[in-house]
Amino acid sequence: MNISPTHEDAIVVDGLQINNWSRAVLEELVAGGVSAANATITVWEGIEESLRAVGEWNQFARRNSDLMVLAGSSDEIRKAKAAGKIAILLGAQNTSLYGDDYRLVEVYAQLGVKIVQLTYNNQNTVGGSCYEPHDSGLTRFGTNIITEMNSSGVLVDLSHVGNRTSIEAAEASAVPVAVTHSNPTWFVDNPRNKPDEVITAVTSRGGVIGCCLYPNVIGGAEATLEGFCEMVRRLADQVGPDRVGLGSDCTRHWDDSFVEWLRSGRWRPPSTQTATWPTWPQWFNGPEDFPRITDGLFAVGFTETEVRGILGENWLRVFDEVFPGQEGA
């Protein structure tokens, strides 16, 4: 695959990946020119398991220090790019790692967990999820969690969060929030995608929508690169090109038992039908294919500056504002 000079030079930030991480996966990121990624370390896990996950990531980073660093700021991402390494941001796709104690937000932030999604497909003590038939909205505990995330420098992620809870969370936050890996519902009408009122709540306050490549939210394996990039173009026209990023939701090297875990966790019995991963489109099977996205963005009329923003600079702007934390928040 030919890689454009822009892609080679740009800082490419993936808003979310949930891979079965290994050195081989890191090498895929290197091959695709990915500079940084938000790596999901927990989904349904509680406090103790999540702490173990952080410890495992610290060991993984040491074993692969020639390829990666753990990062918690835009400066660290830029330094990693200059050194030819991948910057990994530790993230969680649920607030279950906090249990019922808001003080753990700061603890995990000090351990490097800098991006946290409020809910994962199910109602929790913070608020409603995108799959609940009735979205309860942000709870009192949820408001406290967001205040603590703001002060501790943790980015609020609304990707799997219910629409009402998302809007209320964006309004409650003193700093920008994000949707790290979803698309507009006008592109594909899926509960994981976002209606205009959520998109506006996020972007009007300086946040970013990470356009997602997961098959279920782009229309399946038959979706085209041109169609995806045209969606990014329309979204950029709607909210501004500086409010758009990418979040692939890559799921490299997992077997089907993991997708069953993602869907069921411990809140329901496993399905009687075996869960399987969806088929990805030919033009995007994993991180190695990111250069194709860059070419596709140019093909639909984005400028050099806009492409660099969508690839990563827009994420870095949000990180600059959120990660230092807000005194008195």
Protein backbone atom coordinates (compact mmCIF):
# COMPACT_ATOMS: atom_id res chain seq x y z
CA MET A 1 0.00 0.00 0.00
CA ASN A 2 1.30 3.44 -0.91
CA ILE A 3 1.30 5.83 2.05
CA SER A 4 0.95 9.53 1.31
CA PRO A 5 3.54 11.99 2.67
CA THR A 6 0.74 13.64 4.66
CA HIS A 7 -0.12 10.40 6.42
CA GLU A 8 3.52 9.61 7.16
CA ASP A 9 4.08 13.06 8.65
CA ALA A 10 0.75 13.55 10.45
CA ILE A 11 -0.02 12.65 14.03
CA VAL A 12 -2.69 9.97 13.65
CA VAL A 13 -4.78 9.48 16.80
CA ASP A 14 -7.30 6.63 16.98
CA GLY A 15 -10.09 7.58 19.39
CA LEU A 16 -10.58 3.97 20.48
CA GLN A 17 -9.23 0.47 19.93
CA ILE A 18 -10.25 -2.62 21.91
CA ASN A 19 -7.73 -5.14 20.66
CA ASN A 20 -6.32 -8.28 22.19
CA TRP A 21 -3.07 -6.40 22.59
CA SER A 22 0.24 -8.00 21.69
CA ARG A 23 3.45 -7.00 20.00
CA ALA A 24 1.90 -8.09 16.71
CA VAL A 25 -0.93 -5.57 17.19
CA LEU A 26 1.57 -2.80 17.94
CA GLU A 27 3.35 -3.69 14.71
CA GLU A 28 0.04 -3.31 12.85
CA LEU A 29 -0.27 0.21 14.27
CA VAL A 30 3.28 0.98 13.14
CA ALA A 31 2.51 -0.32 9.64
CA GLY A 32 -0.60 1.87 9.47
CA GLY A 33 1.18 5.00 10.67
CA VAL A 34 -0.94 5.27 13.82
CA SER A 35 0.76 7.64 16.27
CA ALA A 36 -1.54 7.19 19.29
CA ALA A 37 -4.55 5.17 20.37
CA ASN A 38 -7.03 5.14 23.23
CA ALA A 39 -6.74 1.51 24.36
CA THR A 40 -9.67 0.01 26.25
CA ILE A 41 -8.35 -1.74 29.35
CA THR A 42 -11.69 -2.49 31.07
CA VAL A 43 -15.37 -2.80 30.12
CA TRP A 44 -17.40 -4.68 32.75
CA GLU A 45 -14.56 -5.17 35.24
CA GLY A 46 -14.75 -3.75 38.76
CA ILE A 47 -12.17 -2.03 40.93
CA GLU A 48 -9.76 -4.88 41.64
CA GLU A 49 -9.78 -6.32 38.12
CA SER A 50 -9.29 -2.85 36.63
CA LEU A 51 -6.29 -2.22 38.88
CA ARG A 52 -4.80 -5.48 37.65
CA ALA A 53 -5.40 -4.36 34.07
CA VAL A 54 -3.42 -1.17 34.71
CA GLY A 55 -0.59 -3.26 36.15
CA GLU A 56 -0.63 -5.58 33.14
CA TRP A 57 -0.43 -2.58 30.80
CA ASN A 58 2.56 -1.20 32.68
CA GLN A 59 4.33 -4.53 32.20
CA PHE A 60 3.29 -4.71 28.54
CA ALA A 61 4.68 -1.22 27.97
CA ARG A 62 8.01 -2.17 29.54
CA ARG A 63 8.27 -5.33 27.43
CA ASN A 64 7.62 -3.33 24.27
CA SER A 65 9.34 -0.06 25.14
CA ASP A 66 11.06 0.01 21.74
CA LEU A 67 7.64 0.36 20.07
CA MET A 68 5.37 2.19 22.53
CA VAL A 69 5.01 4.49 25.51
CA LEU A 70 2.11 5.11 27.86
CA ALA A 71 1.00 8.72 27.41
CA GLY A 72 -1.24 11.16 29.22
CA SER A 73 -0.79 14.41 27.29
CA SER A 74 -0.53 15.84 23.80
CA ASP A 75 3.13 16.64 24.41
CA GLU A 76 3.85 13.01 25.23
CA ILE A 77 2.06 11.96 22.04
CA ARG A 78 4.13 14.39 19.97
CA LYS A 79 7.36 13.23 21.65
CA ALA A 80 6.44 9.61 20.92
CA LYS A 81 5.81 10.47 17.26
CA ALA A 82 9.21 12.18 17.04
CA ALA A 83 10.84 9.11 18.60
CA GLY A 84 9.08 6.75 16.20
CA LYS A 85 6.95 5.16 18.91
CA ILE A 86 3.23 4.65 19.48
CA ALA A 87 1.61 6.57 22.34
CA ILE A 88 -1.02 4.53 24.18
CA LEU A 89 -3.68 6.31 26.24
CA LEU A 90 -5.31 4.02 28.81
CA GLY A 91 -9.09 4.14 28.67
CA ALA A 92 -12.15 2.41 30.09
CA GLN A 93 -15.49 1.82 28.38
CA ASN A 94 -17.48 1.92 31.60
CA THR A 95 -17.35 3.62 34.99
CA SER A 96 -17.45 0.23 36.75
CA LEU A 97 -13.76 0.68 37.61
CA TYR A 98 -14.84 3.42 40.07
CA GLY A 99 -17.34 1.26 41.92
CA ASP A 100 -19.48 3.60 44.00
CA ASP A 101 -16.60 5.86 45.07
CA TYR A 102 -16.05 9.14 43.22
CA ARG A 103 -12.58 9.45 44.80
CA LEU A 104 -11.30 6.61 42.64
CA VAL A 105 -11.53 8.88 39.58
CA GLU A 106 -8.44 10.72 40.80
CA VAL A 107 -6.71 7.48 41.79
CA TYR A 108 -7.11 5.96 38.34
CA ALA A 109 -6.17 9.24 36.68
CA GLN A 110 -2.90 9.20 38.61
CA LEU A 111 -2.37 5.66 37.30
CA GLY A 112 -2.84 6.93 33.73
CA VAL A 113 -6.48 6.12 32.94
CA LYS A 114 -7.35 9.33 31.08
CA ILE A 115 -10.42 8.51 28.95
CA VAL A 116 -13.53 6.92 30.50
CA GLN A 117 -16.90 6.15 28.92
CA LEU A 118 -19.79 6.71 31.30
CA THR A 119 -21.79 3.56 30.46
CA TYR A 120 -21.31 0.43 28.37
CA ASN A 121 -24.56 -0.77 26.77
CA ASN A 122 -26.31 -1.04 30.14
CA GLN A 123 -27.77 1.21 32.82
CA ASN A 124 -25.36 1.86 35.68
CA THR A 125 -25.07 4.15 38.69
CA VAL A 126 -23.94 7.05 36.48
CA GLY A 127 -26.70 7.05 33.88
CA GLY A 128 -28.43 5.35 30.96
CA SER A 129 -26.92 3.50 28.02
CA CYS A 130 -27.66 3.62 24.31
CA TYR A 131 -29.44 0.24 24.45
CA GLU A 132 -31.78 0.94 27.37
CA PRO A 133 -35.43 1.30 26.26
CA HIS A 134 -35.72 4.20 28.71
CA ASP A 135 -32.76 6.51 29.30
CA SER A 136 -32.93 7.65 32.94
CA GLY A 137 -30.52 10.53 32.38
CA LEU A 138 -27.47 11.51 34.39
CA THR A 139 -27.76 10.52 38.07
CA ARG A 140 -26.62 12.52 41.07
CA PHE A 141 -23.65 10.17 41.36
CA GLY A 142 -22.99 10.69 37.67
CA THR A 143 -22.81 14.45 38.19
CA ASN A 144 -20.24 13.91 40.94
CA ILE A 145 -18.24 11.56 38.70
CA ILE A 146 -18.12 14.15 35.90
CA THR A 147 -17.04 16.90 38.31
CA GLU A 148 -14.26 14.63 39.54
CA MET A 149 -13.26 13.69 35.98
CA ASN A 150 -13.01 17.37 35.12
CA SER A 151 -10.78 18.11 38.10
CA SER A 152 -8.64 14.99 37.61
CA GLY A 153 -8.06 15.52 33.89
CA VAL A 154 -10.12 12.62 32.54
CA LEU A 155 -11.97 12.89 29.22
CA VAL A 156 -15.69 12.01 29.39
CA ASP A 157 -16.55 9.57 26.58
CA LEU A 158 -20.22 9.29 25.52
CA SER A 159 -19.95 6.65 22.78
CA HIS A 160 -22.19 3.91 24.26
CA VAL A 161 -24.17 6.32 26.43
CA GLY A 162 -27.89 7.04 26.10
CA ASN A 163 -28.95 10.20 24.32
CA ARG A 164 -30.52 11.95 27.32
CA THR A 165 -27.60 11.02 29.56
CA SER A 166 -25.16 12.22 26.89
CA ILE A 167 -26.77 15.65 26.61
CA GLU A 168 -26.97 16.06 30.37
CA ALA A 169 -23.35 14.94 30.76
CA ALA A 170 -22.16 17.44 28.14
CA GLU A 171 -24.05 20.18 29.95
CA ALA A 172 -22.65 19.13 33.34
CA SER A 173 -19.02 19.09 32.20
CA ALA A 174 -16.85 22.17 32.64
CA VAL A 175 -14.58 21.05 29.78
CA PRO A 176 -15.18 19.41 26.40
CA VAL A 177 -16.51 15.86 26.26
CA ALA A 178 -16.19 13.44 23.35
CA VAL A 179 -17.78 10.65 21.42
CA THR A 180 -14.70 8.57 20.70
CA HIS A 181 -16.25 6.00 18.34
CA SER A 182 -19.73 6.60 16.88
CA ASN A 183 -21.33 8.06 13.77
CA PRO A 184 -24.44 10.18 13.13
CA THR A 185 -27.77 8.36 13.03
CA TRP A 186 -28.49 10.09 9.73
CA PHE A 187 -25.68 7.92 8.29
CA VAL A 188 -26.71 4.59 9.87
CA ASP A 189 -29.69 4.36 12.20
CA ASN A 190 -28.16 2.25 14.96
CA PRO A 191 -28.52 2.76 18.75
CA ARG A 192 -24.74 3.15 18.93
CA ASN A 193 -24.83 6.16 16.63
CA LYS A 194 -25.77 9.69 17.65
CA PRO A 195 -28.68 11.97 16.68
CA ASP A 196 -28.09 15.62 15.87
CA GLU A 197 -29.05 16.84 19.35
CA VAL A 198 -26.25 14.77 20.94
CA ILE A 199 -23.75 15.77 18.25
CA THR A 200 -24.59 19.44 18.86
CA ALA A 201 -24.34 19.07 22.66
CA VAL A 202 -20.83 17.63 22.28
CA THR A 203 -19.41 19.80 19.49
CA SER A 204 -20.90 23.14 20.56
CA ARG A 205 -18.87 22.84 23.78
CA GLY A 206 -15.60 22.12 22.00
CA GLY A 207 -15.80 18.33 21.90
CA VAL A 208 -15.00 15.92 19.09
CA ILE A 209 -16.98 13.16 17.37
CA GLY A 210 -14.71 10.22 16.53
CA CYS A 211 -16.13 8.74 13.33
CA CYS A 212 -16.20 4.98 13.77
CA LEU A 213 -15.26 2.17 11.39
CA TYR A 214 -16.89 -0.73 13.25
CA PRO A 215 -19.09 -2.59 10.75
CA ASN A 216 -22.33 -2.32 12.75
CA VAL A 217 -22.22 1.49 12.71
CA ILE A 218 -21.15 2.02 9.08
CA GLY A 219 -23.65 -0.28 7.38
CA GLY A 220 -21.77 -3.58 7.42
CA ALA A 221 -19.15 -5.16 5.22
CA GLU A 222 -20.72 -3.68 2.08
CA ALA A 223 -20.05 -0.10 3.24
CA THR A 224 -17.64 1.75 0.96
CA LEU A 225 -14.65 3.93 1.75
CA GLU A 226 -16.16 6.70 -0.34
CA GLY A 227 -19.44 6.49 1.57
CA PHE A 228 -17.64 6.62 4.92
CA CYS A 229 -15.55 9.62 3.89
CA GLU A 230 -18.58 11.39 2.44
CA MET A 231 -20.21 10.94 5.87
CA VAL A 232 -17.16 12.52 7.49
CA ARG A 233 -17.41 15.36 4.96
CA ARG A 234 -21.09 15.99 5.72
CA LEU A 235 -20.46 15.86 9.47
CA ALA A 236 -17.61 18.34 9.11
CA ASP A 237 -19.91 20.66 7.14
CA GLN A 238 -22.46 20.30 9.94
CA VAL A 239 -20.25 20.93 13.00
CA GLY A 240 -16.96 22.22 11.62
CA PRO A 241 -13.91 20.19 10.51
CA ASP A 242 -12.15 20.93 13.81
CA ARG A 243 -14.83 18.94 15.69
CA VAL A 244 -14.31 15.68 13.82
CA GLY A 245 -11.84 12.86 14.46
CA LEU A 246 -11.52 9.11 13.99
CA GLY A 247 -12.21 6.22 16.37
CA SER A 248 -11.86 2.89 14.61
CA ASP A 249 -13.11 0.55 17.40
CA CYS A 250 -10.60 -2.02 16.11
CA THR A 251 -11.01 -5.47 17.70
CA ARG A 252 -7.88 -7.24 16.54
CA HIS A 253 -7.13 -10.88 17.42
CA TRP A 254 -10.10 -11.69 19.66
CA ASP A 255 -12.11 -14.88 19.27
CA ASP A 256 -15.90 -15.01 19.43
CA SER A 257 -15.95 -15.67 23.17
CA PHE A 258 -14.83 -12.08 23.75
CA VAL A 259 -17.68 -10.54 21.77
CA GLU A 260 -20.07 -12.63 23.89
CA TRP A 261 -18.39 -11.18 27.00
CA LEU A 262 -18.77 -7.65 25.62
CA ARG A 263 -22.48 -8.14 25.00
CA SER A 264 -23.38 -10.05 28.16
CA GLY A 265 -20.80 -9.21 30.81
CA ARG A 266 -22.19 -10.54 34.07
CA TRP A 267 -25.57 -8.85 33.85
CA ARG A 268 -27.35 -11.56 31.84
CA PRO A 269 -26.86 -15.24 31.00
CA PRO A 270 -24.86 -15.86 27.82
CA SER A 271 -26.89 -15.98 24.64
CA THR A 272 -28.17 -19.35 23.45
CA GLN A 273 -26.86 -18.37 20.03
CA THR A 274 -23.10 -18.03 19.65
CA ALA A 275 -22.12 -14.39 19.26
CA THR A 276 -19.77 -13.66 16.37
CA TRP A 277 -17.80 -10.66 15.24
CA PRO A 278 -19.19 -8.77 12.24
CA THR A 279 -17.29 -8.85 8.96
CA TRP A 280 -15.23 -5.71 8.31
CA PRO A 281 -15.22 -4.05 4.87
CA GLN A 282 -12.35 -4.98 2.55
CA TRP A 283 -10.87 -1.50 2.68
CA PHE A 284 -10.53 -1.48 6.48
CA ASN A 285 -9.64 -4.61 8.42
CA GLY A 286 -7.41 -3.04 11.03
CA PRO A 287 -4.83 -0.36 11.88
CA GLU A 288 -2.69 -1.15 8.84
CA ASP A 289 -5.44 0.31 6.66
CA PHE A 290 -5.45 3.82 8.13
CA PRO A 291 -3.55 5.26 5.11
CA ARG A 292 -6.62 4.45 3.00
CA ILE A 293 -8.72 6.71 5.22
CA THR A 294 -6.30 9.58 4.61
CA ASP A 295 -6.53 9.07 0.85
CA GLY A 296 -10.33 8.88 1.10
CA LEU A 297 -10.53 12.15 3.04
CA PHE A 298 -8.53 13.95 0.36
CA ALA A 299 -10.73 12.38 -2.32
CA VAL A 300 -13.89 13.97 -0.87
CA GLY A 301 -12.37 17.43 -0.85
CA PHE A 302 -10.79 18.00 2.54
CA THR A 303 -7.77 20.33 2.61
CA GLU A 304 -4.37 19.35 3.97
CA THR A 305 -5.02 21.23 7.22
CA GLU A 306 -8.45 19.64 7.62
CA VAL A 307 -7.10 16.14 7.00
CA ARG A 308 -4.38 16.61 9.60
CA GLY A 309 -7.01 17.83 12.04
CA ILE A 310 -9.29 14.83 11.49
CA LEU A 311 -6.37 12.39 11.66
CA GLY A 312 -5.23 13.62 15.04
CA GLU A 313 -4.77 17.32 15.70
CA ASN A 314 -8.42 17.76 16.72
CA TRP A 315 -7.99 15.07 19.38
CA LEU A 316 -4.81 16.75 20.61
CA ARG A 317 -6.65 20.06 21.05
CA VAL A 318 -9.24 18.37 23.28
CA PHE A 319 -6.53 16.55 25.22
CA ASP A 320 -4.75 19.88 25.78
CA GLU A 321 -7.88 21.31 27.34
CA VAL A 322 -9.01 18.29 29.36
CA PHE A 323 -5.95 16.36 30.58
CA PRO A 324 -4.38 19.04 32.80
CA GLY A 325 -7.51 19.01 35.00
CA GLN A 326 -9.56 21.92 36.29
CA GLU A 327 -8.78 23.37 39.70
CA GLY A 328 -11.90 23.80 41.77
CA ALA A 329 -14.07 21.81 39.32
